């Protein structure tokens, strides 16, 4: 049977995102990624903590400040102690960050997650930027904790996540494109569909290239489309644990 994993990223980015994400995910088996370094993460968690969702960490090193003290992860931060922006990553001609600093910050985000929720995250994924040290560092820490990790497929169509080879679809979707994706899958395929449900505020408009799309994702996730798929099993990262 075809399998679809619905993922909602960015819980904690801002209170507006939190409210839209909490609404968009209602009634769906969604895996929700928390941004542990962002000031609104506890607010976001309070909105969804009793809903039984699969919760992971949307590992972030490109917006806000680190969970670690900036001097502990010097390669990750600017002079003011905030993370390098995604624009800085895109324009860099060499690696901006060290593997050691990525692993240290990723583990600090996990420890904060455990402190806040009382349990380990059920998966790790990555936010916004392409950096081989970032991707490798997050995968290394996920392996240490024995939890599924999805970064980015590099040089091929699929990537291993837990016990499966999965495909990844990140770009914004509409109802028609979702049916096209389903139709394109083979019977044994597993696809992670990434959404960014949320509302929009000043923080999002000033710091995120994904802004108005969040409102559309919120509405799409509350439509009937996901309940009308035929021959499709909706899963979470819990089903991918090796």
Protein backbone atom coordinates (compact mmCIF):
# COMPACT_ATOMS: atom_id res chain seq x y z
CA UNK A 1 0.00 0.00 0.00
CA UNK A 2 1.15 3.55 -0.71
CA UNK A 3 2.14 5.42 2.42
CA UNK A 4 1.97 9.17 3.07
CA UNK A 5 3.59 10.84 6.06
CA UNK A 6 2.10 14.27 6.74
CA UNK A 7 4.62 16.61 8.37
CA UNK A 8 3.93 20.05 9.80
CA UNK A 9 7.06 22.13 10.34
CA UNK A 10 7.91 25.20 12.43
CA UNK A 11 5.91 24.90 15.66
CA UNK A 12 7.35 27.61 17.89
CA UNK A 13 8.46 29.95 15.09
CA UNK A 14 5.91 32.54 16.25
CA UNK A 15 2.58 32.62 18.06
CA UNK A 16 0.79 33.21 14.73
CA UNK A 17 2.38 30.07 13.28
CA UNK A 18 1.44 28.14 16.41
CA UNK A 19 -2.25 29.05 16.20
CA UNK A 20 -2.50 28.19 12.51
CA UNK A 21 -0.58 24.95 12.90
CA UNK A 22 -2.73 23.84 15.83
CA UNK A 23 -5.86 24.44 13.76
CA UNK A 24 -4.52 22.89 10.55
CA UNK A 25 -3.44 19.63 12.19
CA UNK A 26 -6.70 18.87 13.97
CA UNK A 27 -8.09 15.47 13.06
CA UNK A 28 -5.04 14.29 11.11
CA UNK A 29 -2.21 11.87 11.99
CA UNK A 30 0.49 14.53 11.65
CA UNK A 31 4.15 14.56 12.65
CA UNK A 32 4.91 18.02 14.09
CA UNK A 33 8.41 19.51 14.21
CA UNK A 34 9.22 21.90 17.06
CA UNK A 35 11.79 24.71 16.70
CA UNK A 36 13.33 24.38 20.13
CA UNK A 37 15.42 27.57 20.03
CA UNK A 38 12.53 29.92 19.26
CA UNK A 39 10.84 32.02 22.00
CA UNK A 40 7.31 30.83 21.10
CA UNK A 41 8.06 27.09 21.36
CA UNK A 42 6.52 26.63 24.82
CA UNK A 43 3.39 28.46 23.67
CA UNK A 44 3.18 26.21 20.63
CA UNK A 45 3.65 23.06 22.67
CA UNK A 46 0.88 24.12 25.06
CA UNK A 47 -1.57 24.18 22.15
CA UNK A 48 -0.93 20.62 20.95
CA UNK A 49 0.62 18.67 23.82
CA UNK A 50 -2.50 16.67 24.71
CA UNK A 51 -3.49 15.72 21.14
CA UNK A 52 -1.35 12.58 20.76
CA UNK A 53 0.67 13.88 17.82
CA UNK A 54 4.02 12.42 16.82
CA UNK A 55 6.42 15.16 17.94
CA UNK A 56 9.94 15.76 16.71
CA UNK A 57 12.50 18.51 16.37
CA UNK A 58 12.70 20.72 13.30
CA UNK A 59 16.40 21.28 13.86
CA UNK A 60 17.21 24.92 13.23
CA UNK A 61 20.51 26.77 12.83
CA UNK A 62 19.40 29.67 10.60
CA UNK A 63 16.87 31.80 12.49
CA UNK A 64 16.96 33.13 16.04
CA UNK A 65 19.65 32.30 18.59
CA UNK A 66 21.09 28.93 19.62
CA UNK A 67 19.98 26.94 22.64
CA UNK A 68 23.69 26.72 23.50
CA UNK A 69 25.49 29.81 24.63
CA UNK A 70 26.82 31.49 21.44
CA UNK A 71 30.44 31.11 22.56
CA UNK A 72 29.92 27.34 22.80
CA UNK A 73 29.06 27.09 19.08
CA UNK A 74 31.07 29.91 17.49
CA UNK A 75 30.84 28.66 13.90
CA UNK A 76 27.01 28.79 14.01
CA UNK A 77 26.61 32.45 14.96
CA UNK A 78 27.17 36.01 13.85
CA UNK A 79 28.90 38.60 16.02
CA UNK A 80 25.60 39.40 17.75
CA UNK A 81 25.12 35.78 18.82
CA UNK A 82 22.31 34.96 16.38
CA UNK A 83 22.44 32.19 13.80
CA UNK A 84 23.74 32.83 10.29
CA UNK A 85 20.77 33.54 8.02
CA UNK A 86 19.68 31.17 5.28
CA UNK A 87 20.86 33.85 2.84
CA UNK A 88 24.36 33.61 4.34
CA UNK A 89 24.31 29.84 3.85
CA UNK A 90 23.22 30.21 0.23
CA UNK A 91 25.96 32.72 -0.59
CA UNK A 92 28.78 30.94 1.27
CA UNK A 93 31.49 29.43 -0.94
CA UNK A 94 32.60 27.01 1.79
CA UNK A 95 31.10 25.41 4.87
CA UNK A 96 30.03 28.05 7.40
CA UNK A 97 29.57 25.63 10.29
CA UNK A 98 31.61 22.87 11.87
CA UNK A 99 30.32 19.36 12.44
CA UNK A 100 31.21 19.62 16.13
CA UNK A 101 29.14 22.77 16.65
CA UNK A 102 26.16 21.34 14.76
CA UNK A 103 26.19 18.20 16.90
CA UNK A 104 26.51 20.24 20.10
CA UNK A 105 23.57 22.50 19.21
CA UNK A 106 21.41 19.63 17.96
CA UNK A 107 21.95 17.75 21.22
CA UNK A 108 21.14 20.90 23.20
CA UNK A 109 17.85 21.19 21.30
CA UNK A 110 17.07 17.56 22.14
CA UNK A 111 17.80 18.13 25.83
CA UNK A 112 15.51 21.17 25.85
CA UNK A 113 12.79 19.10 24.16
CA UNK A 114 13.11 16.41 26.84
CA UNK A 115 13.01 19.03 29.60
CA UNK A 116 9.87 20.62 28.15
CA UNK A 117 7.92 17.49 27.15
CA UNK A 118 9.24 14.80 29.49
CA UNK A 119 10.19 12.49 26.61
CA UNK A 120 12.61 12.18 23.74
CA UNK A 121 11.68 13.52 20.31
CA UNK A 122 10.26 10.91 17.96
CA UNK A 123 12.28 12.17 14.98
CA UNK A 124 14.67 14.85 13.79
CA UNK A 125 14.52 16.81 10.56
CA UNK A 126 16.19 19.99 9.30
CA UNK A 127 15.08 23.58 8.73
CA UNK A 128 15.75 25.72 5.69
CA UNK A 129 19.44 25.40 4.82
CA UNK A 130 21.66 23.07 2.85
CA UNK A 131 25.00 22.40 4.52
CA UNK A 132 26.69 19.02 4.49
CA UNK A 133 28.00 19.53 8.02
CA UNK A 134 24.50 20.47 9.18
CA UNK A 135 22.89 17.43 7.57
CA UNK A 136 25.60 15.05 8.75
CA UNK A 137 25.64 16.47 12.27
CA UNK A 138 21.89 16.07 12.70
CA UNK A 139 22.03 12.51 11.35
CA UNK A 140 24.88 11.65 13.72
CA UNK A 141 22.93 12.86 16.75
CA UNK A 142 19.76 11.08 15.63
CA UNK A 143 21.74 7.85 15.33
CA UNK A 144 23.15 8.38 18.83
CA UNK A 145 19.62 8.67 20.24
CA UNK A 146 18.24 5.89 18.04
CA UNK A 147 15.47 7.97 16.48
CA UNK A 148 14.42 8.39 12.83
CA UNK A 149 15.96 11.28 10.93
CA UNK A 150 15.01 12.83 7.62
CA UNK A 151 17.30 15.45 6.16
CA UNK A 152 17.39 15.88 2.37
CA UNK A 153 17.80 13.32 -0.40
CA UNK A 154 21.22 14.02 -1.89
CA UNK A 155 21.89 12.91 -5.44
CA UNK A 156 18.99 10.48 -5.63
CA UNK A 157 15.21 10.34 -5.50
CA UNK A 158 14.84 8.68 -2.11
CA UNK A 159 16.56 8.67 1.28
CA UNK A 160 16.61 6.19 4.15
CA UNK A 161 14.47 7.11 7.15
CA UNK A 162 14.31 4.49 9.87
CA UNK A 163 13.27 1.26 8.18
CA UNK A 164 12.15 2.72 4.83
CA UNK A 165 13.36 4.42 1.69
CA UNK A 166 11.20 7.52 1.40
CA UNK A 167 10.58 10.33 -1.03
CA UNK A 168 10.29 13.95 0.11
CA UNK A 169 7.98 16.69 -1.16
CA UNK A 170 8.50 20.10 0.43
CA UNK A 171 7.12 22.71 -1.97
CA UNK A 172 3.67 24.14 -1.33
CA UNK A 173 0.81 21.95 -2.49
CA UNK A 174 -2.77 22.35 -3.53
CA UNK A 175 -5.53 19.75 -3.76
CA UNK A 176 -4.85 18.90 -7.40
CA UNK A 177 -1.10 18.51 -6.89
CA UNK A 178 -1.73 16.17 -3.97
CA UNK A 179 -3.77 13.83 -6.15
CA UNK A 180 -1.06 14.02 -8.82
CA UNK A 181 1.53 12.98 -6.22
CA UNK A 182 -0.61 10.07 -5.06
CA UNK A 183 -1.13 8.91 -8.63
CA UNK A 184 2.63 8.99 -9.29
CA UNK A 185 3.50 6.70 -6.36
CA UNK A 186 4.10 3.00 -6.77
CA UNK A 187 2.26 0.68 -4.41
CA UNK A 188 5.29 0.29 -2.15
CA UNK A 189 6.33 3.95 -2.08
CA UNK A 190 6.44 6.12 1.02
CA UNK A 191 6.26 9.91 0.62
CA UNK A 192 6.83 12.62 3.24
CA UNK A 193 4.62 15.61 2.44
CA UNK A 194 5.91 18.71 4.21
CA UNK A 195 3.51 21.51 5.09
CA UNK A 196 3.94 24.83 6.87
CA UNK A 197 0.52 25.53 8.37
CA UNK A 198 0.29 28.78 10.26
CA UNK A 199 -0.94 32.32 10.33
CA UNK A 200 1.22 35.30 9.44
CA UNK A 201 2.66 38.01 11.65
CA UNK A 202 5.56 40.48 11.60
CA UNK A 203 8.10 37.83 12.61
CA UNK A 204 7.15 35.59 9.69
CA UNK A 205 7.00 38.39 7.13
CA UNK A 206 10.43 39.68 8.14
CA UNK A 207 12.33 36.41 8.62
CA UNK A 208 10.71 33.66 6.52
CA UNK A 209 10.46 33.23 2.77
CA UNK A 210 7.51 30.90 3.48
CA UNK A 211 4.83 33.32 4.59
CA UNK A 212 1.47 33.61 2.79
CA UNK A 213 1.75 29.93 1.78
CA UNK A 214 1.28 29.07 5.48
CA UNK A 215 -2.30 30.34 5.41
CA UNK A 216 -3.10 28.18 2.38
CA UNK A 217 -1.48 25.14 3.99
CA UNK A 218 -3.66 25.65 7.07
CA UNK A 219 -6.81 25.64 4.98
CA UNK A 220 -5.66 22.71 2.83
CA UNK A 221 -4.96 20.54 5.86
CA UNK A 222 -8.47 21.23 7.16
CA UNK A 223 -10.09 20.26 3.86
CA UNK A 224 -11.49 16.81 3.12
CA UNK A 225 -8.68 15.93 0.73
CA UNK A 226 -6.66 13.76 3.13
CA UNK A 227 -9.75 11.78 4.11
CA UNK A 228 -10.56 10.97 0.48
CA UNK A 229 -7.32 9.22 -0.56
CA UNK A 230 -7.94 5.67 -1.77
CA UNK A 231 -5.37 2.92 -1.30
CA UNK A 232 -3.20 5.18 0.87
CA UNK A 233 -2.09 4.67 4.46
CA UNK A 234 -1.40 7.83 6.47
CA UNK A 235 1.56 7.19 8.78
CA UNK A 236 3.89 9.09 11.13
CA UNK A 237 7.56 8.78 12.00
CA UNK A 238 6.52 6.24 14.62
CA UNK A 239 5.93 3.83 11.75
CA UNK A 240 9.43 4.42 10.35
CA UNK A 241 11.45 3.61 13.44
CA UNK A 242 14.03 0.99 12.57
